[in-house]
Protein backbone atom coordinates (compact mmCIF):
# COMPACT_ATOMS: atom_id res chain seq x y z
CA UNK A 1 87.30 89.81 88.30
CA UNK A 2 90.44 91.70 87.09
CA UNK A 3 89.58 93.66 83.77
CA UNK A 4 92.49 94.57 81.26
CA UNK A 5 90.96 97.83 79.60
CA UNK A 6 93.38 98.90 76.83
CA UNK A 7 90.61 100.65 75.11
CA UNK A 8 87.51 102.88 76.07
CA UNK A 9 86.04 102.45 79.39
CA UNK A 10 82.62 102.38 77.94
CA UNK A 11 79.78 101.11 80.09
CA UNK A 12 78.84 98.67 77.64
CA UNK A 13 81.98 96.84 77.91
CA UNK A 14 81.56 96.03 81.80
CA UNK A 15 77.94 96.31 82.11
CA UNK A 16 77.28 92.72 83.04
CA UNK A 17 79.84 92.01 85.58
CA UNK A 18 81.18 93.81 88.50
CA UNK A 19 85.10 94.19 88.72
CA UNK A 20 87.48 94.51 91.50
CA UNK A 21 90.44 95.71 89.29
CA UNK A 22 90.80 97.88 86.18
CA UNK A 23 93.58 99.11 83.99
CA UNK A 24 92.92 102.29 82.14
CA UNK A 25 94.75 103.75 79.56
CA UNK A 26 95.13 107.60 80.32
CA UNK A 27 94.43 108.97 76.91
CA UNK A 28 90.99 106.85 77.49
CA UNK A 29 89.73 109.59 79.78
CA UNK A 30 85.96 110.37 79.53
CA UNK A 31 86.88 114.14 79.70
CA UNK A 32 90.22 115.73 78.99
CA UNK A 33 90.93 119.61 79.25
CA UNK A 34 92.82 121.47 76.88
CA UNK A 35 95.81 121.97 78.59
CA UNK A 36 96.36 118.14 78.26
CA UNK A 37 97.80 116.75 75.32
CA UNK A 38 98.60 113.07 73.92
CA UNK A 39 102.08 112.13 73.16
CA UNK A 40 103.22 109.18 71.26
CA UNK A 41 105.72 106.99 72.77
CA UNK A 42 107.00 103.87 72.22
CA UNK A 43 107.63 103.31 76.05
CA UNK A 44 103.93 103.86 76.59
CA UNK A 45 101.68 100.71 76.78
CA UNK A 46 99.26 101.78 74.17
CA UNK A 47 101.81 103.90 72.37
CA UNK A 48 100.45 107.20 73.77
CA UNK A 49 101.01 109.21 76.62
CA UNK A 50 99.09 111.97 78.00
CA UNK A 51 100.83 115.14 79.54
CA UNK A 52 99.67 118.43 80.76
CA UNK A 53 101.09 121.37 78.80
CA UNK A 54 101.13 124.40 81.01
CA UNK A 55 101.56 124.88 85.01
CA UNK A 56 98.35 125.46 86.83
CA UNK A 57 97.59 127.53 90.18
CA UNK A 58 98.62 125.37 93.44
CA UNK A 59 94.86 125.12 94.79
CA UNK A 60 92.41 123.55 92.25
CA UNK A 61 89.64 124.63 94.46
CA UNK A 62 89.86 128.36 94.06
CA UNK A 63 90.62 128.35 90.27
CA UNK A 64 88.82 124.97 88.99
CA UNK A 65 88.75 125.17 85.39
CA UNK A 66 87.90 122.26 83.04
CA UNK A 67 90.85 123.20 81.06
CA UNK A 68 92.99 121.94 83.75
CA UNK A 69 91.30 118.42 84.29
CA UNK A 70 91.21 114.99 83.30
CA UNK A 71 88.47 112.56 84.47
CA UNK A 72 87.28 109.03 84.00
CA UNK A 73 83.79 107.40 84.85
CA UNK A 74 83.92 103.94 87.13
CA UNK A 75 81.32 102.04 87.09
CA UNK A 76 80.32 98.32 87.91
CA UNK A 77 82.84 97.96 90.56
CA UNK A 78 82.46 95.62 93.47
CA UNK A 79 81.76 97.54 96.66
CA UNK A 80 84.90 98.16 98.75
CA UNK A 81 88.07 100.22 99.59
CA UNK A 82 90.25 100.57 96.26
CA UNK A 83 94.03 101.89 95.79
CA UNK A 84 95.01 103.47 92.80
CA UNK A 85 98.47 103.31 91.06
CA UNK A 86 99.33 105.72 88.08
CA UNK A 87 102.10 104.66 85.74
CA UNK A 88 103.88 107.82 85.29
CA UNK A 89 107.21 109.40 84.48
CA UNK A 90 108.35 112.29 86.57
CA UNK A 91 111.02 114.82 85.37
CA UNK A 92 111.46 117.06 88.30
CA UNK A 93 112.32 116.70 91.93
CA UNK A 94 110.08 118.46 94.62
CA UNK A 95 107.54 120.29 92.58
CA UNK A 96 105.26 117.71 90.65
CA UNK A 97 101.94 117.84 92.38
CA UNK A 98 98.89 115.80 91.43
CA UNK A 99 95.49 116.56 93.04
CA UNK A 100 92.65 114.04 92.89
CA UNK A 101 89.40 113.10 93.84
CA UNK A 102 86.56 110.92 93.72
CA UNK A 103 83.17 112.32 92.78
CA UNK A 104 82.43 115.55 94.81
CA UNK A 105 84.86 114.82 97.62
CA UNK A 106 87.49 117.46 98.45
CA UNK A 107 90.59 117.40 96.40
CA UNK A 108 93.52 115.64 97.94
CA UNK A 109 97.16 116.22 97.21
CA UNK A 110 100.66 115.67 98.22
CA UNK A 111 103.24 117.60 96.69
CA UNK A 112 106.54 115.69 95.67
CA UNK A 113 104.75 112.30 96.07
CA UNK A 114 106.22 110.74 93.37
CA UNK A 115 110.04 109.53 92.91
CA UNK A 116 111.73 111.24 90.24
CA UNK A 117 112.17 108.85 87.29
CA UNK A 118 113.14 109.15 83.41
CA UNK A 119 111.43 105.88 82.95
CA UNK A 120 107.80 105.33 83.27
CA UNK A 121 107.09 103.50 86.36
CA UNK A 122 104.04 102.42 88.94
CA UNK A 123 103.61 105.00 91.71
CA UNK A 124 100.54 104.63 94.26
CA UNK A 125 98.37 107.43 94.63
CA UNK A 126 98.78 109.28 97.80
CA UNK A 127 96.41 111.73 99.61
CA UNK A 128 97.02 114.87 102.06
CA UNK A 129 98.62 112.58 104.56
CA UNK A 130 101.13 111.16 102.61
CA UNK A 131 99.78 107.78 102.70
CA UNK A 132 98.07 105.61 100.22
CA UNK A 133 94.65 106.71 99.51
CA UNK A 134 91.60 104.37 99.95
CA UNK A 135 88.66 105.46 98.04
CA UNK A 136 85.14 103.88 98.73
CA UNK A 137 83.78 102.88 95.78
CA UNK A 138 80.20 101.21 95.35
CA UNK A 139 78.52 99.65 91.82
CA UNK A 140 77.25 103.22 91.31
CA UNK A 141 78.68 105.16 88.68
CA UNK A 142 81.61 107.31 90.01
CA UNK A 143 83.93 110.19 88.37
CA UNK A 144 87.72 109.87 89.20
CA UNK A 145 89.37 113.24 88.49
CA UNK A 146 92.98 114.57 88.43
CA UNK A 147 94.37 117.96 88.41
CA UNK A 148 98.23 118.33 87.82
CA UNK A 149 99.74 121.36 88.97
CA UNK A 150 103.07 121.49 87.04
CA UNK A 151 104.01 120.38 83.81
CA UNK A 152 106.61 117.46 85.11
CA UNK A 153 104.21 114.48 85.04
CA UNK A 154 103.28 112.50 82.31
CA UNK A 155 100.62 109.65 82.84
CA UNK A 156 100.54 106.19 80.89
CA UNK A 157 98.13 104.16 82.87
CA UNK A 158 95.76 103.89 85.84
CA UNK A 159 95.32 100.73 87.77
CA UNK A 160 92.49 100.74 90.31
CA UNK A 161 92.27 97.72 92.82
CA UNK A 162 90.81 96.30 96.04
CA UNK A 163 92.50 93.39 95.71
CA UNK A 164 95.85 94.25 97.50
CA UNK A 165 97.73 93.49 94.79
CA UNK A 166 100.27 95.65 92.45
CA UNK A 167 100.15 96.38 89.00
CA UNK A 168 102.32 94.38 86.23
C-alpha cells in the first residue's frame, strides 16, 4: 500500500495496515534541532520547506549534537529493503553533504551527492559508496535521522519505498 502523508506521521494514522511506500513532508519531523528552520515557500508541496541555518562539523559522530539533527519515526512498514528519495533544492556545487542513518546504524554520507538545482527536485539518497542506499525496514518502529553539514540544502519532502518506483 502507498500512503501519502501530507501531515503528521503519527502512529494512529497508519496503525491498522502495513505500508510499502510513504511520503513525508519534511517539516513534520518527530524531532527538529534548533539549527533547522521552516521556510514558507509557494514551491513546496505543503508551502513550507525545512533548511539548516548554520554549517556543522564534517563528521557527525565526533560532534553529535541534537541541534544539528532532524529525525522521523517510521512504523508499520512491510518488511523489506527500502530506498529513500529527498525532494530538495541545492544551492552550491561540491560542498552540500547529507549524513543519514536508520536507528543506531553508522552514519552514511556521500559529499556532493545531489545535482545543483535552483528548483526543487527529487534526488535518491546515496551512501558512502555513492550508490543508492537500501535500508532494511521491518514492521517495528524505526528512526530515520539526517544531519546536513552545510547550509546549502533545503528539504521539501521525503519518499520511502520498497516498490521500485520513483516519487511523483
